[in-house]
N, C-alpha and C. Protein backbone atom coordinates (compact mmCIF):
# COMPACT_ATOMS: atom_id res chain seq x y z
N MET A 1 -21.19 24.04 -24.32
CA MET A 1 -19.93 24.40 -23.72
C MET A 1 -20.19 24.93 -22.32
N GLU A 2 -19.36 24.51 -21.37
CA GLU A 2 -19.47 24.98 -20.01
C GLU A 2 -18.95 26.41 -19.95
N THR A 3 -19.55 27.21 -19.10
CA THR A 3 -19.01 28.54 -18.87
C THR A 3 -18.76 28.70 -17.39
N ASN A 4 -17.82 29.53 -17.07
CA ASN A 4 -17.45 29.74 -15.68
C ASN A 4 -17.42 31.24 -15.43
N GLN A 5 -18.48 31.79 -14.84
CA GLN A 5 -18.57 33.22 -14.62
C GLN A 5 -17.61 33.66 -13.53
N THR A 6 -17.48 32.89 -12.46
CA THR A 6 -16.57 33.23 -11.38
C THR A 6 -15.41 32.26 -11.41
N LYS A 7 -14.24 32.78 -11.70
CA LYS A 7 -13.08 31.90 -11.79
C LYS A 7 -12.57 31.57 -10.40
N LYS A 8 -12.46 30.26 -10.13
CA LYS A 8 -11.87 29.80 -8.88
C LYS A 8 -10.39 29.62 -9.11
N PRO A 9 -9.58 29.93 -8.12
CA PRO A 9 -8.13 29.72 -8.31
C PRO A 9 -7.81 28.23 -8.31
N SER A 10 -6.98 27.84 -9.24
CA SER A 10 -6.52 26.46 -9.30
C SER A 10 -5.29 26.32 -8.41
N LEU A 11 -5.16 25.17 -7.78
CA LEU A 11 -4.00 24.90 -6.93
C LEU A 11 -2.70 25.09 -7.72
N CYS A 12 -2.75 24.84 -9.01
CA CYS A 12 -1.56 24.95 -9.86
C CYS A 12 -0.96 26.35 -9.82
N TRP A 13 -1.78 27.37 -9.61
CA TRP A 13 -1.29 28.74 -9.66
C TRP A 13 -0.28 29.03 -8.57
N LYS A 14 -0.25 28.20 -7.53
CA LYS A 14 0.70 28.42 -6.43
C LYS A 14 1.59 27.19 -6.23
N CYS A 15 1.85 26.47 -7.32
CA CYS A 15 2.62 25.23 -7.24
C CYS A 15 3.96 25.38 -7.97
N LYS A 16 5.02 24.89 -7.36
CA LYS A 16 6.35 24.93 -7.98
C LYS A 16 6.38 24.11 -9.28
N ASN A 17 5.52 23.12 -9.39
CA ASN A 17 5.52 22.27 -10.58
C ASN A 17 4.79 22.90 -11.77
N ALA A 18 4.19 24.08 -11.58
CA ALA A 18 3.43 24.71 -12.67
C ALA A 18 4.31 25.10 -13.84
N VAL A 19 5.56 25.46 -13.57
CA VAL A 19 6.51 25.82 -14.62
C VAL A 19 7.60 24.76 -14.63
N PRO A 20 7.58 23.88 -15.64
CA PRO A 20 8.55 22.78 -15.64
C PRO A 20 9.98 23.27 -15.84
N SER A 21 10.88 22.63 -15.14
CA SER A 21 12.31 22.90 -15.27
C SER A 21 13.02 21.57 -15.07
N ALA A 22 14.32 21.61 -14.94
CA ALA A 22 15.08 20.38 -14.71
C ALA A 22 14.68 19.71 -13.40
N SER A 23 14.26 20.52 -12.41
CA SER A 23 13.94 19.96 -11.09
C SER A 23 12.46 20.03 -10.71
N SER A 24 11.62 20.48 -11.62
CA SER A 24 10.20 20.58 -11.29
C SER A 24 9.36 20.27 -12.52
N GLY A 25 8.07 20.17 -12.31
CA GLY A 25 7.13 19.89 -13.39
C GLY A 25 6.25 18.71 -13.06
N CYS A 26 5.18 18.58 -13.78
CA CYS A 26 4.24 17.46 -13.61
C CYS A 26 3.69 17.11 -14.99
N SER A 27 2.87 16.09 -15.06
CA SER A 27 2.34 15.69 -16.37
C SER A 27 1.48 16.79 -16.99
N TRP A 28 0.84 17.62 -16.15
CA TRP A 28 0.01 18.70 -16.69
C TRP A 28 0.90 19.82 -17.25
N SER A 29 1.89 20.27 -16.48
CA SER A 29 2.70 21.39 -16.94
C SER A 29 3.64 21.00 -18.09
N ARG A 30 4.00 19.73 -18.16
CA ARG A 30 4.90 19.30 -19.23
C ARG A 30 4.17 18.90 -20.51
N ALA A 31 3.00 18.27 -20.40
CA ALA A 31 2.35 17.74 -21.60
C ALA A 31 0.82 17.89 -21.60
N PHE A 32 0.27 18.69 -20.69
CA PHE A 32 -1.18 18.90 -20.58
C PHE A 32 -1.94 17.58 -20.45
N GLN A 33 -1.35 16.66 -19.68
CA GLN A 33 -2.00 15.40 -19.34
C GLN A 33 -2.40 15.47 -17.87
N PRO A 34 -3.65 15.17 -17.50
CA PRO A 34 -4.05 15.24 -16.09
C PRO A 34 -3.13 14.42 -15.20
N VAL A 35 -2.89 14.95 -14.00
CA VAL A 35 -2.03 14.26 -13.03
C VAL A 35 -2.85 13.14 -12.40
N GLU A 36 -2.27 11.95 -12.38
CA GLU A 36 -2.96 10.81 -11.79
C GLU A 36 -3.22 11.07 -10.30
N GLY A 37 -4.48 10.96 -9.89
CA GLY A 37 -4.84 11.12 -8.49
C GLY A 37 -5.25 12.53 -8.09
N TRP A 38 -5.24 13.49 -9.03
CA TRP A 38 -5.66 14.83 -8.63
C TRP A 38 -7.17 14.93 -8.55
N THR A 39 -7.65 15.92 -7.81
CA THR A 39 -9.07 16.26 -7.76
C THR A 39 -9.20 17.55 -8.54
N ALA A 40 -9.96 17.49 -9.65
CA ALA A 40 -10.04 18.66 -10.53
C ALA A 40 -11.38 18.70 -11.24
N GLU A 41 -11.82 19.91 -11.51
CA GLU A 41 -13.05 20.12 -12.27
C GLU A 41 -12.66 20.52 -13.68
N ARG A 42 -13.14 19.76 -14.67
CA ARG A 42 -12.80 20.03 -16.06
C ARG A 42 -13.61 21.22 -16.56
N LYS A 43 -12.96 22.09 -17.30
CA LYS A 43 -13.59 23.28 -17.86
C LYS A 43 -13.29 23.36 -19.35
N HIS A 44 -14.20 23.94 -20.09
CA HIS A 44 -13.97 24.27 -21.49
C HIS A 44 -14.03 25.79 -21.58
N THR A 45 -12.97 26.37 -22.09
CA THR A 45 -12.85 27.82 -22.13
C THR A 45 -12.69 28.28 -23.56
N ALA A 46 -13.46 29.29 -23.96
CA ALA A 46 -13.34 29.86 -25.29
C ALA A 46 -12.18 30.83 -25.32
N LYS A 47 -11.49 30.84 -26.43
CA LYS A 47 -10.44 31.83 -26.62
C LYS A 47 -10.68 32.48 -27.98
N GLY A 48 -10.01 33.56 -28.23
CA GLY A 48 -10.16 34.23 -29.52
C GLY A 48 -11.58 34.71 -29.73
N ASN A 49 -12.17 34.33 -30.88
CA ASN A 49 -13.50 34.82 -31.20
C ASN A 49 -14.61 33.95 -30.62
N GLY A 50 -14.26 32.91 -29.87
CA GLY A 50 -15.25 32.10 -29.19
C GLY A 50 -15.93 31.05 -30.07
N SER A 51 -15.39 30.81 -31.26
CA SER A 51 -15.99 29.80 -32.13
C SER A 51 -15.75 28.41 -31.55
N ALA A 52 -16.51 27.44 -32.02
CA ALA A 52 -16.40 26.07 -31.52
C ALA A 52 -14.99 25.51 -31.73
N ASP A 53 -14.31 25.97 -32.78
CA ASP A 53 -12.95 25.51 -33.05
C ASP A 53 -11.92 26.17 -32.13
N ASP A 54 -12.35 27.19 -31.42
CA ASP A 54 -11.43 27.97 -30.61
C ASP A 54 -11.70 27.77 -29.12
N VAL A 55 -11.89 26.51 -28.71
CA VAL A 55 -12.17 26.17 -27.31
C VAL A 55 -11.08 25.24 -26.84
N TYR A 56 -10.61 25.46 -25.62
CA TYR A 56 -9.62 24.54 -25.08
C TYR A 56 -10.09 24.00 -23.75
N GLU A 57 -9.56 22.84 -23.40
CA GLU A 57 -9.93 22.16 -22.16
C GLU A 57 -8.89 22.49 -21.10
N THR A 58 -9.37 22.81 -19.92
CA THR A 58 -8.48 23.08 -18.80
C THR A 58 -9.12 22.54 -17.53
N TYR A 59 -8.45 22.66 -16.42
CA TYR A 59 -8.93 22.12 -15.16
C TYR A 59 -8.74 23.12 -14.04
N CYS A 60 -9.65 23.08 -13.07
CA CYS A 60 -9.47 23.80 -11.81
C CYS A 60 -9.12 22.73 -10.78
N VAL A 61 -7.86 22.69 -10.39
CA VAL A 61 -7.35 21.65 -9.50
C VAL A 61 -7.54 22.08 -8.04
N THR A 62 -8.14 21.19 -7.24
CA THR A 62 -8.35 21.50 -5.82
C THR A 62 -7.49 20.62 -4.91
N ALA A 63 -6.98 19.50 -5.42
CA ALA A 63 -6.07 18.64 -4.65
C ALA A 63 -5.20 17.89 -5.65
N CYS A 64 -3.91 17.75 -5.30
CA CYS A 64 -3.00 17.09 -6.23
C CYS A 64 -1.86 16.42 -5.46
N PRO A 65 -1.57 15.14 -5.79
CA PRO A 65 -0.49 14.45 -5.09
C PRO A 65 0.90 15.02 -5.40
N GLU A 66 1.02 15.79 -6.50
CA GLU A 66 2.32 16.34 -6.88
C GLU A 66 2.46 17.82 -6.51
N TYR A 67 1.50 18.34 -5.74
CA TYR A 67 1.53 19.76 -5.35
C TYR A 67 2.74 20.05 -4.47
N ARG A 68 3.48 21.09 -4.84
CA ARG A 68 4.60 21.59 -4.05
C ARG A 68 4.41 23.09 -3.90
N LYS A 69 4.15 23.52 -2.68
CA LYS A 69 3.88 24.93 -2.45
C LYS A 69 5.04 25.79 -2.93
N ASP A 70 4.69 26.81 -3.69
CA ASP A 70 5.70 27.74 -4.19
C ASP A 70 5.87 28.83 -3.15
N ASP A 71 7.01 28.84 -2.50
CA ASP A 71 7.27 29.82 -1.45
C ASP A 71 7.86 31.11 -1.99
N GLY A 72 7.98 31.21 -3.30
CA GLY A 72 8.48 32.43 -3.90
C GLY A 72 9.99 32.49 -4.05
N CYS A 73 10.70 31.50 -3.53
CA CYS A 73 12.16 31.53 -3.61
C CYS A 73 12.65 31.15 -5.00
N ASP A 74 11.94 30.26 -5.67
CA ASP A 74 12.33 29.86 -7.03
C ASP A 74 11.58 30.73 -8.03
N VAL A 75 12.03 31.94 -8.22
CA VAL A 75 11.35 32.90 -9.06
C VAL A 75 11.72 32.64 -10.52
N LEU A 76 10.71 32.59 -11.39
CA LEU A 76 10.94 32.38 -12.80
C LEU A 76 11.77 33.53 -13.38
N CYS A 77 11.41 34.74 -13.02
CA CYS A 77 12.14 35.93 -13.46
C CYS A 77 13.16 36.27 -12.38
N ARG A 78 14.37 35.86 -12.55
CA ARG A 78 15.37 36.09 -11.51
C ARG A 78 15.93 37.51 -11.54
N ASN A 79 15.78 38.21 -12.65
CA ASN A 79 16.25 39.59 -12.71
C ASN A 79 15.39 40.37 -13.70
N ASP A 80 15.57 41.68 -13.70
CA ASP A 80 14.76 42.53 -14.57
C ASP A 80 14.93 42.18 -16.04
N GLU A 81 16.14 41.86 -16.45
CA GLU A 81 16.39 41.54 -17.85
C GLU A 81 15.60 40.30 -18.27
N GLY A 82 15.59 39.29 -17.44
CA GLY A 82 14.84 38.08 -17.75
C GLY A 82 13.35 38.35 -17.85
N CYS A 83 12.83 39.14 -16.93
CA CYS A 83 11.40 39.49 -16.96
C CYS A 83 11.07 40.29 -18.21
N LEU A 84 11.93 41.22 -18.57
CA LEU A 84 11.69 42.02 -19.77
C LEU A 84 11.72 41.17 -21.03
N ARG A 85 12.62 40.19 -21.08
CA ARG A 85 12.68 39.29 -22.24
C ARG A 85 11.39 38.48 -22.37
N ILE A 86 10.86 38.02 -21.24
CA ILE A 86 9.60 37.27 -21.27
C ILE A 86 8.47 38.17 -21.74
N ALA A 87 8.38 39.38 -21.18
CA ALA A 87 7.33 40.32 -21.58
C ALA A 87 7.44 40.64 -23.07
N GLU A 88 8.67 40.86 -23.54
CA GLU A 88 8.89 41.17 -24.95
C GLU A 88 8.42 40.02 -25.84
N HIS A 89 8.72 38.80 -25.43
CA HIS A 89 8.33 37.62 -26.21
C HIS A 89 6.80 37.50 -26.29
N VAL A 90 6.14 37.65 -25.15
CA VAL A 90 4.67 37.55 -25.12
C VAL A 90 4.05 38.63 -25.99
N LEU A 91 4.52 39.85 -25.86
CA LEU A 91 3.96 40.94 -26.64
C LEU A 91 4.25 40.77 -28.13
N ARG A 92 5.46 40.32 -28.46
CA ARG A 92 5.79 40.10 -29.87
C ARG A 92 4.85 39.07 -30.50
N LEU A 93 4.59 37.98 -29.79
CA LEU A 93 3.66 36.97 -30.31
C LEU A 93 2.27 37.55 -30.53
N GLN A 94 1.78 38.34 -29.57
CA GLN A 94 0.44 38.91 -29.69
C GLN A 94 0.39 39.95 -30.81
N MET A 95 1.43 40.75 -30.96
CA MET A 95 1.44 41.74 -32.04
C MET A 95 1.54 41.07 -33.40
N ASN A 96 2.27 39.98 -33.50
CA ASN A 96 2.29 39.22 -34.77
C ASN A 96 0.91 38.68 -35.08
N LYS A 97 0.21 38.18 -34.07
CA LYS A 97 -1.17 37.70 -34.25
C LYS A 97 -2.05 38.86 -34.71
N TYR A 98 -1.86 40.04 -34.11
CA TYR A 98 -2.66 41.21 -34.47
C TYR A 98 -2.40 41.61 -35.92
N ARG A 99 -1.12 41.69 -36.30
CA ARG A 99 -0.79 42.10 -37.67
C ARG A 99 -1.35 41.12 -38.70
N SER A 100 -1.30 39.82 -38.38
CA SER A 100 -1.87 38.81 -39.30
C SER A 100 -3.37 39.01 -39.45
N ALA A 101 -4.07 39.20 -38.32
CA ALA A 101 -5.52 39.41 -38.37
C ALA A 101 -5.86 40.69 -39.11
N LEU A 102 -5.07 41.73 -38.90
CA LEU A 102 -5.28 43.02 -39.55
C LEU A 102 -5.10 42.89 -41.07
N GLN A 103 -4.04 42.22 -41.49
CA GLN A 103 -3.79 42.05 -42.92
C GLN A 103 -4.87 41.18 -43.57
N ARG A 104 -5.31 40.11 -42.86
CA ARG A 104 -6.40 39.28 -43.40
C ARG A 104 -7.66 40.11 -43.62
N TYR A 105 -8.01 40.90 -42.62
CA TYR A 105 -9.22 41.71 -42.74
C TYR A 105 -9.05 42.79 -43.82
N ALA A 106 -7.88 43.42 -43.92
CA ALA A 106 -7.65 44.45 -44.93
C ALA A 106 -7.83 43.88 -46.33
N ARG A 107 -7.45 42.61 -46.53
CA ARG A 107 -7.61 41.96 -47.84
C ARG A 107 -9.04 41.51 -48.09
N SER A 108 -9.66 40.89 -47.08
CA SER A 108 -10.95 40.22 -47.31
C SER A 108 -12.16 41.07 -46.98
N ARG A 109 -12.05 41.91 -45.96
CA ARG A 109 -13.17 42.70 -45.42
C ARG A 109 -14.34 41.81 -45.02
N SER A 110 -14.05 40.55 -44.66
CA SER A 110 -15.11 39.62 -44.26
C SER A 110 -15.48 39.84 -42.80
N ASP A 111 -16.74 39.52 -42.47
CA ASP A 111 -17.22 39.66 -41.10
C ASP A 111 -16.44 38.77 -40.15
N ASN A 112 -16.09 37.56 -40.60
CA ASN A 112 -15.34 36.64 -39.76
C ASN A 112 -13.95 37.20 -39.43
N ASP A 113 -13.26 37.74 -40.45
CA ASP A 113 -11.93 38.31 -40.21
C ASP A 113 -12.02 39.56 -39.34
N LEU A 114 -13.10 40.33 -39.48
CA LEU A 114 -13.30 41.50 -38.63
C LEU A 114 -13.51 41.07 -37.17
N ALA A 115 -14.28 40.00 -36.96
CA ALA A 115 -14.52 39.50 -35.60
C ALA A 115 -13.21 39.02 -34.98
N GLN A 116 -12.37 38.36 -35.75
CA GLN A 116 -11.08 37.91 -35.23
C GLN A 116 -10.17 39.08 -34.90
N LEU A 117 -10.17 40.11 -35.75
CA LEU A 117 -9.38 41.30 -35.51
C LEU A 117 -9.83 41.99 -34.22
N LYS A 118 -11.13 42.14 -34.05
CA LYS A 118 -11.66 42.80 -32.85
C LYS A 118 -11.35 42.00 -31.59
N ALA A 119 -11.36 40.68 -31.69
CA ALA A 119 -11.03 39.83 -30.54
C ALA A 119 -9.58 40.06 -30.10
N VAL A 120 -8.68 40.15 -31.07
CA VAL A 120 -7.27 40.39 -30.73
C VAL A 120 -7.11 41.79 -30.14
N GLU A 121 -7.81 42.77 -30.72
CA GLU A 121 -7.74 44.13 -30.18
C GLU A 121 -8.26 44.19 -28.75
N ARG A 122 -9.39 43.53 -28.48
CA ARG A 122 -9.93 43.50 -27.12
C ARG A 122 -8.91 42.94 -26.14
N GLU A 123 -8.24 41.88 -26.55
CA GLU A 123 -7.24 41.26 -25.68
C GLU A 123 -6.06 42.20 -25.44
N LEU A 124 -5.62 42.90 -26.50
CA LEU A 124 -4.50 43.82 -26.35
C LEU A 124 -4.81 44.98 -25.42
N PHE A 125 -6.08 45.35 -25.32
CA PHE A 125 -6.46 46.50 -24.50
C PHE A 125 -6.85 46.11 -23.08
N THR A 126 -6.54 44.89 -22.67
CA THR A 126 -6.84 44.46 -21.30
C THR A 126 -5.78 44.98 -20.34
N PRO A 127 -6.12 45.02 -19.05
CA PRO A 127 -5.12 45.43 -18.05
C PRO A 127 -3.87 44.55 -18.06
N TYR A 128 -4.03 43.29 -18.46
CA TYR A 128 -2.89 42.37 -18.53
C TYR A 128 -1.79 42.93 -19.44
N TYR A 129 -2.16 43.34 -20.66
CA TYR A 129 -1.16 43.85 -21.59
C TYR A 129 -0.66 45.22 -21.17
N ALA A 130 -1.50 46.04 -20.54
CA ALA A 130 -1.04 47.34 -20.02
C ALA A 130 0.03 47.11 -18.96
N ALA A 131 -0.21 46.15 -18.07
CA ALA A 131 0.78 45.84 -17.03
C ALA A 131 2.03 45.24 -17.64
N LEU A 132 1.86 44.38 -18.62
CA LEU A 132 3.01 43.76 -19.29
C LEU A 132 3.91 44.83 -19.90
N MET A 133 3.30 45.90 -20.39
CA MET A 133 4.06 47.01 -20.99
C MET A 133 4.44 48.04 -19.95
N MET A 134 4.19 47.73 -18.68
CA MET A 134 4.50 48.62 -17.57
C MET A 134 3.85 49.99 -17.77
N HIS A 135 2.69 49.99 -18.43
CA HIS A 135 1.90 51.21 -18.69
C HIS A 135 2.72 52.29 -19.40
N SER A 136 3.72 51.86 -20.17
CA SER A 136 4.60 52.83 -20.84
C SER A 136 4.32 52.95 -22.33
N VAL A 137 3.48 52.07 -22.88
CA VAL A 137 3.17 52.10 -24.30
C VAL A 137 1.66 52.14 -24.46
N ASP A 138 1.19 53.03 -25.30
CA ASP A 138 -0.24 53.12 -25.60
C ASP A 138 -0.53 52.15 -26.75
N LEU A 139 -1.02 50.96 -26.40
CA LEU A 139 -1.26 49.94 -27.43
C LEU A 139 -2.36 50.36 -28.40
N ARG A 140 -3.31 51.18 -27.97
CA ARG A 140 -4.34 51.69 -28.88
C ARG A 140 -3.67 52.54 -29.97
N GLN A 141 -2.71 53.37 -29.60
CA GLN A 141 -2.00 54.19 -30.57
C GLN A 141 -1.20 53.30 -31.53
N VAL A 142 -0.55 52.27 -31.00
CA VAL A 142 0.21 51.34 -31.84
C VAL A 142 -0.73 50.66 -32.84
N CYS A 143 -1.89 50.22 -32.37
CA CYS A 143 -2.85 49.56 -33.26
C CYS A 143 -3.36 50.53 -34.33
N ASN A 144 -3.59 51.79 -33.94
CA ASN A 144 -4.03 52.78 -34.93
C ASN A 144 -2.97 53.02 -35.99
N GLU A 145 -1.70 53.02 -35.61
CA GLU A 145 -0.62 53.17 -36.59
C GLU A 145 -0.61 51.98 -37.54
N GLU A 146 -0.80 50.79 -37.01
CA GLU A 146 -0.85 49.59 -37.86
C GLU A 146 -2.05 49.64 -38.80
N ARG A 147 -3.19 50.11 -38.30
CA ARG A 147 -4.40 50.23 -39.12
C ARG A 147 -4.17 51.22 -40.26
N ARG A 148 -3.56 52.36 -39.96
CA ARG A 148 -3.27 53.36 -41.00
C ARG A 148 -2.36 52.76 -42.07
N ARG A 149 -1.39 51.97 -41.63
CA ARG A 149 -0.41 51.38 -42.55
C ARG A 149 -1.08 50.49 -43.60
N VAL A 150 -2.18 49.81 -43.24
CA VAL A 150 -2.87 48.94 -44.20
C VAL A 150 -4.13 49.59 -44.77
N GLY A 151 -4.31 50.89 -44.49
CA GLY A 151 -5.43 51.62 -45.09
C GLY A 151 -6.77 51.44 -44.40
N LEU A 152 -6.76 51.08 -43.12
CA LEU A 152 -8.02 50.93 -42.38
C LEU A 152 -8.22 52.14 -41.46
N PRO A 153 -9.47 52.44 -41.14
CA PRO A 153 -9.72 53.58 -40.24
C PRO A 153 -9.22 53.29 -38.83
N GLU A 154 -8.95 54.36 -38.09
CA GLU A 154 -8.50 54.22 -36.71
C GLU A 154 -9.62 53.67 -35.85
N LEU A 155 -9.22 53.12 -34.73
CA LEU A 155 -10.18 52.62 -33.74
C LEU A 155 -10.95 53.80 -33.16
N GLU A 156 -12.20 53.55 -32.85
CA GLU A 156 -12.99 54.60 -32.20
C GLU A 156 -12.52 54.75 -30.77
N GLU A 157 -12.59 55.95 -30.24
CA GLU A 157 -12.21 56.18 -28.86
C GLU A 157 -13.18 55.48 -27.93
N ARG A 158 -12.66 55.01 -26.81
CA ARG A 158 -13.50 54.38 -25.80
C ARG A 158 -14.38 55.43 -25.16
N GLU A 159 -15.59 55.01 -24.85
CA GLU A 159 -16.53 55.94 -24.19
C GLU A 159 -16.35 55.92 -22.71
């Protein structure tokens, strides 16, 4: 598997076509099919616990015939309510994933289920989720409450 220690920005990150809508989109953003004629480096990225089954293919695009510079005028989150709904949706999905992993481990106590649980916890404790929660919720405390609910010990404090 290829690894990429230094992430290069993909052209897609600043393209209007990155988020498909009625008036925008490309074959990559709509169906994860490479855009004909683009210049891109293929990458394989591990997600979750990093097992061979948990790898996805992505690209770092450096040139694309369908590139449309995003000038910031077409904002995905047009108001605070819309942004909060998106944040709530993302967090709800991740917390459902966490609760499932927690319940699996509480039942099985297997090393594999523990590794999956820890992977989800690591992701929840990233700056990304702290920012998504606007630094107003202590996700470590939430996870400890969930752990207590299924009879597991609390997370150890970070050093």
